[in-house]
Amino acid sequence: MQKSDKPIIKHITDFLEYLEIERGAASKTQENYARYLNKFLKWLKMTKNEGLMPHELTPDHIWQYRIFLARSPISQTSKKTLKKKTQNFYLIALRNLLTFFADRDIQALPADKIKLAKRDKSEQTVKFLTLDQVEKLLLTPDTSHNIGLRDRAILEVLFSTGLRIAELVALNRDQIKIKPDTKDLELSITGKGGHTRTIYFSERTVRWLKKYSDSRKDDDKALFINYKKRKTEDQSSIRLTVRSIERMVEKYSKLAGLPIRVTPHVLRHTMATDLLNQGADLRTVQEILGHQSVATTQIYTHVTNKRLRDIHRQFHSGKKLKE
């Protein structure tokens, strides 16, 4: 191990290139890491540590940074502080930076010295909708105009496919080939981490996609577009953004009077929960969601545990024995 001749701040660009070249990280992942590390850089400058070298970083620095994260507001106008889950995103980014130093034989604090914040039980609970609530949400958009028709199609796709929000935004019109006799539809996509999987559109989703597609009079390649924007010379597409869709889903969840804040990821959880409730096994749901490890899919134990209990009650022979 050797001591670096430049401060931590000067290593960030090298680290992001390392993520791209050696770790094969997607551009969105690189963007997220850059954003999370900017928080650390802000803290270094705020504490007058912008010249801190990798080998000078101590456990006390990490502790002080964790206090800073715990007290950071979620926005400039909010009094609420970052959730433990969000704090961990920043800590994981910093931990990966330390892993990069080790990989480059640069003397620095070991990555395992950064412990993640223990999440509150309320944060660990998977939020999902009941089928009645899903129905309310889907029926909320006014489909008599093009924006409502688009929004209904988006909600149907999210519930049918369990797509991640970034995967939904990236869809193009030429990927969705709907013929007059098309009922359900399947599509191969490349998702998180560059992994390819098949997603499935239900028959009702195909019907709404067709209605939305037939209403389009433009030539934009994006499947879901922002009708309120116009193309400019610097803009090749008026594709809807992640934030636009998040705001749209939240708007309709409020209009539908749903008891929880609904996000695209809540609809992903809802789809997975519904499949498990209908009898799908965990491995199948893992493949449909695109989880690389079944351990990630284990968050749906609220469903699997109940199913196991019901199966045990139904089939265990203990109740037939004499007491």
C-alpha atoms as a PDB file:
ATOM      1  CA  MET A   1       0.000   0.000   0.000  1.00  0.00           C
ATOM      2  CA  GLN A   2       1.207   3.508  -0.837  1.00  0.00           C
ATOM      3  CA  LYS A   3       0.081   6.937   0.256  1.00  0.00           C
ATOM      4  CA  SER A   4      -1.664   8.991  -2.416  1.00  0.00           C
ATOM      5  CA  ASP A   5      -0.176  12.338  -3.394  1.00  0.00           C
ATOM      6  CA  LYS A   6      -3.603  13.936  -3.962  1.00  0.00           C
ATOM      7  CA  PRO A   7      -6.616  14.525  -1.695  1.00  0.00           C
ATOM      8  CA  ILE A   8      -9.804  12.451  -1.669  1.00  0.00           C
ATOM      9  CA  ILE A   9     -11.675  15.122  -3.644  1.00  0.00           C
ATOM     10  CA  LYS A  10      -9.294  14.667  -6.606  1.00  0.00           C
ATOM     11  CA  HIS A  11      -9.953  10.900  -6.733  1.00  0.00           C
ATOM     12  CA  ILE A  12     -13.696  11.106  -7.438  1.00  0.00           C
ATOM     13  CA  THR A  13     -13.382  11.287 -11.242  1.00  0.00           C
ATOM     14  CA  ASP A  14     -11.007   8.285 -11.223  1.00  0.00           C
ATOM     15  CA  PHE A  15     -13.479   6.387  -9.051  1.00  0.00           C
ATOM     16  CA  LEU A  16     -16.411   7.052 -11.410  1.00  0.00           C
ATOM     17  CA  GLU A  17     -14.296   5.903 -14.376  1.00  0.00           C
ATOM     18  CA  TYR A  18     -13.397   2.780 -12.369  1.00  0.00           C
ATOM     19  CA  LEU A  19     -17.118   2.075 -11.876  1.00  0.00           C
ATOM     20  CA  GLU A  20     -17.695   2.344 -15.620  1.00  0.00           C
ATOM     21  CA  ILE A  21     -14.656   0.460 -16.936  1.00  0.00           C
ATOM     22  CA  GLU A  22     -13.909  -2.173 -14.314  1.00  0.00           C
ATOM     23  CA  ARG A  23     -17.244  -2.627 -12.570  1.00  0.00           C
ATOM     24  CA  GLY A  24     -19.404  -2.222 -15.684  1.00  0.00           C
ATOM     25  CA  ALA A  25     -21.753   0.174 -13.890  1.00  0.00           C
ATOM     26  CA  ALA A  26     -24.565   1.725 -15.911  1.00  0.00           C
ATOM     27  CA  SER A  27     -24.527   5.488 -16.508  1.00  0.00           C
ATOM     28  CA  LYS A  28     -27.439   5.907 -14.068  1.00  0.00           C
ATOM     29  CA  THR A  29     -25.439   4.113 -11.364  1.00  0.00           C
ATOM     30  CA  GLN A  30     -22.490   6.405 -11.985  1.00  0.00           C
ATOM     31  CA  GLU A  31     -24.783   9.439 -11.729  1.00  0.00           C
ATOM     32  CA  ASN A  32     -26.136   8.193  -8.405  1.00  0.00           C
ATOM     33  CA  TYR A  33     -22.654   7.577  -6.982  1.00  0.00           C
ATOM     34  CA  ALA A  34     -21.543  11.042  -8.087  1.00  0.00           C
ATOM     35  CA  ARG A  35     -24.580  12.570  -6.372  1.00  0.00           C
ATOM     36  CA  TYR A  36     -24.064  10.600  -3.151  1.00  0.00           C
ATOM     37  CA  LEU A  37     -20.356  11.439  -3.009  1.00  0.00           C
ATOM     38  CA  ASN A  38     -21.096  15.121  -3.606  1.00  0.00           C
ATOM     39  CA  LYS A  39     -22.705  15.066  -0.166  1.00  0.00           C
ATOM     40  CA  PHE A  40     -19.422  13.822   1.302  1.00  0.00           C
ATOM     41  CA  LEU A  41     -17.449  16.463  -0.604  1.00  0.00           C
ATOM     42  CA  LYS A  42     -19.835  19.126   0.699  1.00  0.00           C
ATOM     43  CA  TRP A  43     -19.161  17.893   4.245  1.00  0.00           C
ATOM     44  CA  LEU A  44     -15.384  17.924   3.673  1.00  0.00           C
ATOM     45  CA  LYS A  45     -15.540  21.553   2.529  1.00  0.00           C
ATOM     46  CA  MET A  46     -17.910  22.535   5.319  1.00  0.00           C
ATOM     47  CA  THR A  47     -15.515  21.086   7.923  1.00  0.00           C
ATOM     48  CA  LYS A  48     -12.475  22.589   6.142  1.00  0.00           C
ATOM     49  CA  ASN A  49     -11.195  19.103   5.250  1.00  0.00           C
ATOM     50  CA  GLU A  50     -11.160  19.511   1.458  1.00  0.00           C
ATOM     51  CA  GLY A  51      -7.423  18.749   1.469  1.00  0.00           C
ATOM     52  CA  LEU A  52      -7.886  15.468   3.392  1.00  0.00           C
ATOM     53  CA  MET A  53      -5.757  12.674   1.911  1.00  0.00           C
ATOM     54  CA  PRO A  54      -7.088   9.082   1.681  1.00  0.00           C
ATOM     55  CA  HIS A  55      -4.664   7.831   4.374  1.00  0.00           C
ATOM     56  CA  GLU A  56      -5.742  10.679   6.708  1.00  0.00           C
ATOM     57  CA  LEU A  57      -9.394   9.642   6.807  1.00  0.00           C
ATOM     58  CA  THR A  58     -10.152   8.266  10.292  1.00  0.00           C
ATOM     59  CA  PRO A  59     -13.084   6.506  12.005  1.00  0.00           C
ATOM     60  CA  ASP A  60     -13.803   9.799  13.769  1.00  0.00           C
ATOM     61  CA  HIS A  61     -14.242  11.528  10.399  1.00  0.00           C
ATOM     62  CA  ILE A  62     -16.730   8.809   9.428  1.00  0.00           C
ATOM     63  CA  TRP A  63     -18.600   9.223  12.715  1.00  0.00           C
ATOM     64  CA  GLN A  64     -18.848  12.993  12.261  1.00  0.00           C
ATOM     65  CA  TYR A  65     -20.080  12.480   8.674  1.00  0.00           C
ATOM     66  CA  ARG A  66     -22.743  10.055   9.911  1.00  0.00           C
ATOM     67  CA  ILE A  67     -23.944  12.676  12.398  1.00  0.00           C
ATOM     68  CA  PHE A  68     -24.061  15.185   9.539  1.00  0.00           C
ATOM     69  CA  LEU A  69     -26.169  12.774   7.429  1.00  0.00           C
ATOM     70  CA  ALA A  70     -28.536  12.003  10.318  1.00  0.00           C
ATOM     71  CA  ARG A  71     -29.218  15.717  10.794  1.00  0.00           C
ATOM     72  CA  SER A  72     -29.455  16.620   7.096  1.00  0.00           C
ATOM     73  CA  PRO A  73     -32.925  17.750   5.910  1.00  0.00           C
ATOM     74  CA  ILE A  74     -34.493  15.916   2.977  1.00  0.00           C
ATOM     75  CA  SER A  75     -34.770  19.264   1.164  1.00  0.00           C
ATOM     76  CA  GLN A  76     -33.990  22.935   1.682  1.00  0.00           C
ATOM     77  CA  THR A  77     -37.597  23.685   2.622  1.00  0.00           C
ATOM     78  CA  SER A  78     -38.256  20.658   4.843  1.00  0.00           C
ATOM     79  CA  LYS A  79     -37.651  20.117   8.535  1.00  0.00           C
ATOM     80  CA  LYS A  80     -37.688  16.333   8.062  1.00  0.00           C
ATOM     81  CA  THR A  81     -34.291  14.626   8.118  1.00  0.00           C
ATOM     82  CA  LEU A  82     -32.939  11.869   5.850  1.00  0.00           C
ATOM     83  CA  LYS A  83     -34.340   8.411   6.486  1.00  0.00           C
ATOM     84  CA  LYS A  84     -31.916   5.703   7.598  1.00  0.00           C
ATOM     85  CA  LYS A  85     -32.309   4.017   4.208  1.00  0.00           C
ATOM     86  CA  THR A  86     -31.249   7.213   2.413  1.00  0.00           C
ATOM     87  CA  GLN A  87     -28.353   7.762   4.816  1.00  0.00           C
ATOM     88  CA  ASN A  88     -27.137   4.286   3.906  1.00  0.00           C
ATOM     89  CA  PHE A  89     -27.019   5.153   0.200  1.00  0.00           C
ATOM     90  CA  TYR A  90     -24.482   7.881   1.011  1.00  0.00           C
ATOM     91  CA  LEU A  91     -22.489   5.563   3.273  1.00  0.00           C
ATOM     92  CA  ILE A  92     -22.443   2.761   0.675  1.00  0.00           C
ATOM     93  CA  ALA A  93     -21.067   5.192  -1.921  1.00  0.00           C
ATOM     94  CA  LEU A  94     -18.287   6.193   0.475  1.00  0.00           C
ATOM     95  CA  ARG A  95     -17.590   2.558   1.305  1.00  0.00           C
ATOM     96  CA  ASN A  96     -17.220   1.773  -2.391  1.00  0.00           C
ATOM     97  CA  LEU A  97     -14.779   4.665  -2.736  1.00  0.00           C
ATOM     98  CA  LEU A  98     -12.647   3.056  -0.008  1.00  0.00           C
ATOM     99  CA  THR A  99     -12.885  -0.274  -1.857  1.00  0.00           C
ATOM    100  CA  PHE A 100     -11.566   1.550  -4.941  1.00  0.00           C
ATOM    101  CA  PHE A 101      -8.589   2.831  -2.897  1.00  0.00           C
ATOM    102  CA  ALA A 102      -7.811  -0.720  -1.739  1.00  0.00           C
ATOM    103  CA  ASP A 103      -8.053  -1.996  -5.307  1.00  0.00           C
ATOM    104  CA  ARG A 104      -5.552   0.666  -6.383  1.00  0.00           C
ATOM    105  CA  ASP A 105      -3.210  -0.108  -3.458  1.00  0.00           C
ATOM    106  CA  ILE A 106      -3.821   3.361  -2.040  1.00  0.00           C
ATOM    107  CA  GLN A 107      -3.486   3.501   1.733  1.00  0.00           C
ATOM    108  CA  ALA A 108      -6.868   4.328   3.268  1.00  0.00           C
ATOM    109  CA  LEU A 109      -9.349   3.300   5.917  1.00  0.00           C
ATOM    110  CA  PRO A 110     -10.711  -0.246   5.279  1.00  0.00           C
ATOM    111  CA  ALA A 111     -14.191  -0.208   3.728  1.00  0.00           C
ATOM    112  CA  ASP A 112     -15.609  -2.439   6.471  1.00  0.00           C
ATOM    113  CA  LYS A 113     -14.994   0.340   8.989  1.00  0.00           C
ATOM    114  CA  ILE A 114     -18.064   2.098   7.594  1.00  0.00           C
ATOM    115  CA  LYS A 115     -21.095   0.610   9.305  1.00  0.00           C
ATOM    116  CA  LEU A 116     -24.550   1.216   7.888  1.00  0.00           C
ATOM    117  CA  ALA A 117     -27.302   2.827   9.914  1.00  0.00           C
ATOM    118  CA  LYS A 118     -29.849   0.410  11.348  1.00  0.00           C
ATOM    119  CA  ARG A 119     -33.131   1.077   9.656  1.00  0.00           C
ATOM    120  CA  ASP A 120     -36.332   1.712  11.594  1.00  0.00           C
ATOM    121  CA  LYS A 121     -38.892  -1.085  11.448  1.00  0.00           C
ATOM    122  CA  SER A 122     -41.335   1.294   9.777  1.00  0.00           C
ATOM    123  CA  GLU A 123     -38.823   1.793   6.927  1.00  0.00           C
ATOM    124  CA  GLN A 124     -38.360  -1.953   6.443  1.00  0.00           C
ATOM    125  CA  THR A 125     -42.030  -2.626   5.818  1.00  0.00           C
ATOM    126  CA  VAL A 126     -42.880  -3.249   2.171  1.00  0.00           C
ATOM    127  CA  LYS A 127     -45.690  -0.938   1.076  1.00  0.00           C
ATOM    128  CA  PHE A 128     -48.214  -2.319  -1.396  1.00  0.00           C
ATOM    129  CA  LEU A 129     -51.819  -1.812  -2.468  1.00  0.00           C
ATOM    130  CA  THR A 130     -54.781  -4.141  -2.210  1.00  0.00           C
ATOM    131  CA  LEU A 131     -56.542  -5.028  -5.452  1.00  0.00           C
ATOM    132  CA  ASP A 132     -59.422  -2.690  -4.542  1.00  0.00           C
ATOM    133  CA  GLN A 133     -56.924   0.142  -4.106  1.00  0.00           C
ATOM    134  CA  VAL A 134     -55.205  -0.719  -7.407  1.00  0.00           C
ATOM    135  CA  GLU A 135     -58.588  -0.558  -9.134  1.00  0.00           C
ATOM    136  CA  LYS A 136     -59.300   2.885  -7.639  1.00  0.00           C
ATOM    137  CA  LEU A 137     -55.919   4.137  -8.800  1.00  0.00           C
ATOM    138  CA  LEU A 138     -56.276   2.785 -12.339  1.00  0.00           C
ATOM    139  CA  LEU A 139     -59.739   4.304 -12.740  1.00  0.00           C
ATOM    140  CA  THR A 140     -58.666   7.795 -11.603  1.00  0.00           C
ATOM    141  CA  PRO A 141     -57.147   9.306 -14.811  1.00  0.00           C
ATOM    142  CA  ASP A 142     -59.602  11.068 -17.130  1.00  0.00           C
ATOM    143  CA  THR A 143     -59.078   9.113 -20.351  1.00  0.00           C
ATOM    144  CA  SER A 144     -61.163  11.487 -22.458  1.00  0.00           C
ATOM    145  CA  HIS A 145     -58.004  13.446 -23.301  1.00  0.00           C
ATOM    146  CA  ASN A 146     -54.493  12.438 -24.377  1.00  0.00           C
ATOM    147  CA  ILE A 147     -52.704  13.121 -21.064  1.00  0.00           C
ATOM    148  CA  GLY A 148     -55.191  11.043 -19.085  1.00  0.00           C
ATOM    149  CA  LEU A 149     -54.971   8.259 -21.672  1.00  0.00           C
ATOM    150  CA  ARG A 150     -51.171   8.275 -21.402  1.00  0.00           C
ATOM    151  CA  ASP A 151     -51.306   8.251 -17.607  1.00  0.00           C
ATOM    152  CA  ARG A 152     -53.757   5.340 -17.552  1.00  0.00           C
ATOM    153  CA  ALA A 153     -51.447   3.385 -19.853  1.00  0.00           C
ATOM    154  CA  ILE A 154     -48.451   4.125 -17.580  1.00  0.00           C
ATOM    155  CA  LEU A 155     -50.297   2.954 -14.453  1.00  0.00           C
ATOM    156  CA  GLU A 156     -51.456  -0.212 -16.223  1.00  0.00           C
ATOM    157  CA  VAL A 157     -47.910  -0.961 -17.420  1.00  0.00           C
ATOM    158  CA  LEU A 158     -46.400  -0.425 -13.972  1.00  0.00           C
ATOM    159  CA  PHE A 159     -48.877  -2.789 -12.316  1.00  0.00           C
ATOM    160  CA  SER A 160     -48.722  -5.414 -15.076  1.00  0.00           C
ATOM    161  CA  THR A 161     -44.951  -5.582 -15.554  1.00  0.00           C
ATOM    162  CA  GLY A 162     -43.385  -4.528 -12.251  1.00  0.00           C
ATOM    163  CA  LEU A 163     -40.943  -2.396 -14.237  1.00  0.00           C
ATOM    164  CA  ARG A 164     -38.494  -0.180 -12.413  1.00  0.00           C
ATOM    165  CA  ILE A 165     -39.177   3.486 -13.097  1.00  0.00           C
ATOM    166  CA  ALA A 166     -35.950   3.950 -15.122  1.00  0.00           C
ATOM    167  CA  GLU A 167     -36.852   0.889 -17.236  1.00  0.00           C
ATOM    168  CA  LEU A 168     -40.311   2.313 -17.945  1.00  0.00           C
ATOM    169  CA  VAL A 169     -38.918   5.719 -18.949  1.00  0.00           C
ATOM    170  CA  ALA A 170     -36.473   4.067 -21.379  1.00  0.00           C
ATOM    171  CA  LEU A 171     -39.175   2.227 -23.360  1.00  0.00           C
ATOM    172  CA  ASN A 172     -39.515   3.164 -27.032  1.00  0.00           C
ATOM    173  CA  ARG A 173     -42.513   2.887 -29.331  1.00  0.00           C
ATOM    174  CA  ASP A 174     -40.801   0.478 -31.719  1.00  0.00           C
ATOM    175  CA  GLN A 175     -40.443  -2.046 -28.874  1.00  0.00           C
ATOM    176  CA  ILE A 176     -44.207  -2.299 -28.439  1.00  0.00           C
ATOM    177  CA  LYS A 177     -45.604  -4.058 -31.485  1.00  0.00           C
ATOM    178  CA  ILE A 178     -49.381  -4.388 -31.117  1.00  0.00           C
ATOM    179  CA  LYS A 179     -51.277  -6.062 -33.966  1.00  0.00           C
ATOM    180  CA  PRO A 180     -55.094  -6.179 -34.203  1.00  0.00           C
ATOM    181  CA  ASP A 181     -55.143  -9.731 -32.798  1.00  0.00           C
ATOM    182  CA  THR A 182     -52.559  -9.054 -30.039  1.00  0.00           C
ATOM    183  CA  LYS A 183     -53.801  -9.965 -26.591  1.00  0.00           C
ATOM    184  CA  ASP A 184     -51.080 -10.231 -23.977  1.00  0.00           C
ATOM    185  CA  LEU A 185     -47.536  -9.204 -24.850  1.00  0.00           C
ATOM    186  CA  GLU A 186     -44.010 -10.021 -23.713  1.00  0.00           C
ATOM    187  CA  LEU A 187     -40.879  -7.998 -24.208  1.00  0.00           C
ATOM    188  CA  SER A 188     -37.169  -8.524 -23.575  1.00  0.00           C
ATOM    189  CA  ILE A 189     -35.519  -5.566 -21.829  1.00  0.00           C
ATOM    190  CA  THR A 190     -32.090  -4.761 -20.430  1.00  0.00           C
ATOM    191  CA  GLY A 191     -32.518  -3.487 -16.907  1.00  0.00           C
ATOM    192  CA  LYS A 192     -30.498  -2.699 -13.810  1.00  0.00           C
ATOM    193  CA  GLY A 193     -26.866  -3.813 -13.980  1.00  0.00           C
ATOM    194  CA  GLY A 194     -27.137  -4.544 -17.708  1.00  0.00           C
ATOM    195  CA  HIS A 195     -29.100  -7.744 -17.079  1.00  0.00           C
ATOM    196  CA  THR A 196     -31.709  -8.869 -19.614  1.00  0.00           C
ATOM    197  CA  ARG A 197     -35.098 -10.263 -18.636  1.00  0.00           C
ATOM    198  CA  THR A 198     -38.580 -10.723 -20.086  1.00  0.00           C
ATOM    199  CA  ILE A 199     -41.476  -8.569 -18.935  1.00  0.00           C
ATOM    200  CA  TYR A 200     -45.144  -9.361 -19.478  1.00  0.00           C
ATOM    201  CA  PHE A 201     -48.040  -7.068 -20.401  1.00  0.00           C
ATOM    202  CA  SER A 202     -51.510  -8.316 -19.475  1.00  0.00           C
ATOM    203  CA  GLU A 203     -54.380  -8.315 -21.942  1.00  0.00           C
ATOM    204  CA  ARG A 204     -55.969  -5.241 -20.324  1.00  0.00           C
ATOM    205  CA  THR A 205     -52.629  -3.415 -20.387  1.00  0.00           C
ATOM    206  CA  VAL A 206     -52.238  -4.130 -24.099  1.00  0.00           C
ATOM    207  CA  ARG A 207     -55.710  -2.662 -24.704  1.00  0.00           C
ATOM    208  CA  TRP A 208     -54.770   0.599 -22.946  1.00  0.00           C
ATOM    209  CA  LEU A 209     -51.405   0.771 -24.676  1.00  0.00           C
ATOM    210  CA  LYS A 210     -53.184   0.423 -28.018  1.00  0.00           C
ATOM    211  CA  LYS A 211     -55.659   3.199 -27.169  1.00  0.00           C
ATOM    212  CA  TYR A 212     -52.796   5.450 -26.112  1.00  0.00           C
ATOM    213  CA  SER A 213     -50.690   4.544 -29.160  1.00  0.00           C
ATOM    214  CA  ASP A 214     -53.602   5.215 -31.530  1.00  0.00           C
ATOM    215  CA  SER A 215     -54.030   8.678 -29.994  1.00  0.00           C
ATOM    216  CA  ARG A 216     -50.439   9.717 -30.766  1.00  0.00           C
ATOM    217  CA  LYS A 217     -50.035  12.079 -33.737  1.00  0.00           C
ATOM    218  CA  ASP A 218     -46.301  12.709 -33.302  1.00  0.00           C
ATOM    219  CA  ASP A 219     -43.176  10.888 -34.485  1.00  0.00           C
ATOM    220  CA  ASP A 220     -41.274  10.879 -31.168  1.00  0.00           C
ATOM    221  CA  LYS A 221     -39.494   7.579 -30.508  1.00  0.00           C
ATOM    222  CA  ALA A 222     -40.266   7.534 -26.765  1.00  0.00           C
ATOM    223  CA  LEU A 223     -43.201   5.409 -25.646  1.00  0.00           C
ATOM    224  CA  PHE A 224     -44.292   7.904 -23.005  1.00  0.00           C
ATOM    225  CA  ILE A 225     -43.921  11.600 -23.829  1.00  0.00           C
ATOM    226  CA  ASN A 226     -44.493  14.960 -22.172  1.00  0.00           C
ATOM    227  CA  TYR A 227     -47.334  16.626 -24.074  1.00  0.00           C
ATOM    228  CA  LYS A 228     -46.570  19.974 -22.452  1.00  0.00           C
ATOM    229  CA  LYS A 229     -43.088  20.190 -23.968  1.00  0.00           C
ATOM    230  CA  ARG A 230     -42.009  20.839 -27.527  1.00  0.00           C
ATOM    231  CA  LYS A 231     -38.901  19.541 -29.221  1.00  0.00           C
ATOM    232  CA  THR A 232     -36.025  21.937 -29.630  1.00  0.00           C
ATOM    233  CA  GLU A 233     -32.889  21.740 -31.736  1.00  0.00           C
ATOM    234  CA  ASP A 234     -30.964  20.469 -28.701  1.00  0.00           C
ATOM    235  CA  GLN A 235     -33.640  17.974 -27.716  1.00  0.00           C
ATOM    236  CA  SER A 236     -34.148  14.827 -29.777  1.00  0.00           C
ATOM    237  CA  SER A 237     -37.088  13.594 -27.684  1.00  0.00           C
ATOM    238  CA  ILE A 238     -39.757  14.848 -25.303  1.00  0.00           C
ATOM    239  CA  ARG A 239     -39.582  11.627 -23.301  1.00  0.00           C
ATOM    240  CA  LEU A 240     -41.168  11.798 -19.852  1.00  0.00           C
ATOM    241  CA  THR A 241     -38.637  11.955 -17.016  1.00  0.00           C
ATOM    242  CA  VAL A 242     -38.463   9.757 -13.939  1.00  0.00           C
ATOM    243  CA  ARG A 243     -39.519  12.668 -11.735  1.00  0.00           C
ATOM    244  CA  SER A 244     -42.506  13.489 -13.967  1.00  0.00           C
ATOM    245  CA  ILE A 245     -43.843   9.951 -13.660  1.00  0.00           C
ATOM    246  CA  GLU A 246     -43.240   9.874  -9.906  1.00  0.00           C
ATOM    247  CA  ARG A 247     -45.236  13.098  -9.518  1.00  0.00           C
ATOM    248  CA  MET A 248     -47.980  11.756 -11.768  1.00  0.00           C
ATOM    249  CA  VAL A 249     -48.380   8.511  -9.766  1.00  0.00           C
ATOM    250  CA  GLU A 250     -48.423  10.423  -6.495  1.00  0.00           C
ATOM    251  CA  LYS A 251     -51.043  12.851  -7.865  1.00  0.00           C
ATOM    252  CA  TYR A 252     -53.435  10.055  -8.829  1.00  0.00           C
ATOM    253  CA  SER A 253     -52.915   8.217  -5.529  1.00  0.00           C
ATOM    254  CA  LYS A 254     -54.048  11.386  -3.708  1.00  0.00           C
ATOM    255  CA  LEU A 255     -57.020  11.853  -6.052  1.00  0.00           C
ATOM    256  CA  ALA A 256     -58.002   8.222  -5.465  1.00  0.00           C
ATOM    257  CA  GLY A 257     -57.904   8.806  -1.700  1.00  0.00           C
ATOM    258  CA  LEU A 258     -55.417   6.007  -1.053  1.00  0.00           C
ATOM    259  CA  PRO A 259     -54.092   5.725   2.525  1.00  0.00           C
ATOM    260  CA  ILE A 260     -50.396   5.550   1.588  1.00  0.00           C
ATOM    261  CA  ARG A 261     -48.077   7.563  -0.627  1.00  0.00           C
ATOM    262  CA  VAL A 262     -47.926   5.589  -3.858  1.00  0.00           C
ATOM    263  CA  THR A 263     -44.773   5.560  -5.991  1.00  0.00           C
ATOM    264  CA  PRO A 264     -43.877   3.516  -9.087  1.00  0.00           C
ATOM    265  CA  HIS A 265     -41.925   1.202  -6.756  1.00  0.00           C
ATOM    266  CA  VAL A 266     -45.031   0.632  -4.618  1.00  0.00           C
ATOM    267  CA  LEU A 267     -46.760  -0.617  -7.788  1.00  0.00           C
ATOM    268  CA  ARG A 268     -43.780  -2.924  -8.392  1.00  0.00           C
ATOM    269  CA  HIS A 269     -44.212  -4.275  -4.858  1.00  0.00           C
ATOM    270  CA  THR A 270     -47.950  -4.596  -5.470  1.00  0.00           C
ATOM    271  CA  MET A 271     -47.448  -6.658  -8.622  1.00  0.00           C
ATOM    272  CA  ALA A 272     -45.034  -9.006  -6.843  1.00  0.00           C
ATOM    273  CA  THR A 273     -47.356  -9.339  -3.856  1.00  0.00           C
ATOM    274  CA  ASP A 274     -50.288 -10.144  -6.152  1.00  0.00           C
ATOM    275  CA  LEU A 275     -48.312 -12.864  -7.998  1.00  0.00           C
ATOM    276  CA  LEU A 276     -47.336 -14.506  -4.714  1.00  0.00           C
ATOM    277  CA  ASN A 277     -50.902 -14.293  -3.418  1.00  0.00           C
ATOM    278  CA  GLN A 278     -52.113 -16.016  -6.580  1.00  0.00           C
ATOM    279  CA  GLY A 279     -49.706 -18.925  -6.042  1.00  0.00           C
ATOM    280  CA  ALA A 280     -46.498 -17.945  -7.856  1.00  0.00           C
ATOM    281  CA  ASP A 281     -43.310 -19.169  -6.186  1.00  0.00           C
ATOM    282  CA  LEU A 282     -40.561 -16.852  -4.978  1.00  0.00           C
ATOM    283  CA  ARG A 283     -38.063 -17.932  -7.666  1.00  0.00           C
ATOM    284  CA  THR A 284     -40.505 -17.064 -10.450  1.00  0.00           C
ATOM    285  CA  VAL A 285     -41.187 -13.648  -8.954  1.00  0.00           C
ATOM    286  CA  GLN A 286     -37.414 -13.146  -8.638  1.00  0.00           C
ATOM    287  CA  GLU A 287     -37.010 -13.697 -12.395  1.00  0.00           C
ATOM    288  CA  ILE A 288     -39.939 -11.452 -13.319  1.00  0.00           C
ATOM    289  CA  LEU A 289     -38.649  -8.606 -11.142  1.00  0.00           C
ATOM    290  CA  GLY A 290     -35.074  -9.025 -12.377  1.00  0.00           C
ATOM    291  CA  HIS A 291     -33.541  -9.570  -8.933  1.00  0.00           C
ATOM    292  CA  GLN A 292     -30.092 -11.120  -9.223  1.00  0.00           C
ATOM    293  CA  SER A 293     -30.445 -12.837  -5.842  1.00  0.00           C
ATOM    294  CA  VAL A 294     -33.511 -14.459  -4.306  1.00  0.00           C
ATOM    295  CA  ALA A 295     -32.410 -12.825  -1.045  1.00  0.00           C
ATOM    296  CA  THR A 296     -33.609  -9.502  -2.501  1.00  0.00           C
ATOM    297  CA  THR A 297     -37.003 -11.037  -3.252  1.00  0.00           C
ATOM    298  CA  GLN A 298     -37.239 -12.208   0.366  1.00  0.00           C
ATOM    299  CA  ILE A 299     -38.625  -8.774   1.283  1.00  0.00           C
ATOM    300  CA  TYR A 300     -41.993 -10.255   0.331  1.00  0.00           C
ATOM    301  CA  THR A 301     -42.043 -12.523   3.390  1.00  0.00           C
ATOM    302  CA  HIS A 302     -45.282 -10.748   4.421  1.00  0.00           C
ATOM    303  CA  VAL A 303     -46.894 -12.834   1.659  1.00  0.00           C
ATOM    304  CA  THR A 304     -44.845 -16.042   1.746  1.00  0.00           C
ATOM    305  CA  ASN A 305     -45.138 -16.382   5.529  1.00  0.00           C
ATOM    306  CA  LYS A 306     -48.929 -16.063   5.362  1.00  0.00           C
ATOM    307  CA  ARG A 307     -49.149 -18.587   2.510  1.00  0.00           C
ATOM    308  CA  LEU A 308     -47.007 -21.086   4.395  1.00  0.00           C
ATOM    309  CA  ARG A 309     -49.188 -20.668   7.474  1.00  0.00           C
ATOM    310  CA  ASP A 310     -52.378 -21.186   5.438  1.00  0.00           C
ATOM    311  CA  ILE A 311     -50.910 -24.262   3.717  1.00  0.00           C
ATOM    312  CA  HIS A 312     -49.850 -25.679   7.073  1.00  0.00           C
ATOM    313  CA  ARG A 313     -53.342 -25.152   8.501  1.00  0.00           C
ATOM    314  CA  GLN A 314     -54.963 -26.750   5.470  1.00  0.00           C
ATOM    315  CA  PHE A 315     -52.775 -29.806   4.987  1.00  0.00           C
ATOM    316  CA  HIS A 316     -51.089 -30.693   8.278  1.00  0.00           C
ATOM    317  CA  SER A 317     -52.567 -33.907   9.672  1.00  0.00           C
ATOM    318  CA  GLY A 318     -52.179 -32.996  13.322  1.00  0.00           C
ATOM    319  CA  LYS A 319     -55.797 -31.981  13.592  1.00  0.00           C
ATOM    320  CA  LYS A 320     -56.862 -35.532  12.630  1.00  0.00           C
ATOM    321  CA  LEU A 321     -55.062 -37.147  15.547  1.00  0.00           C
ATOM    322  CA  LYS A 322     -56.830 -38.014  18.810  1.00  0.00           C
ATOM    323  CA  GLU A 323     -56.018 -35.879  21.810  1.00  0.00           C
END
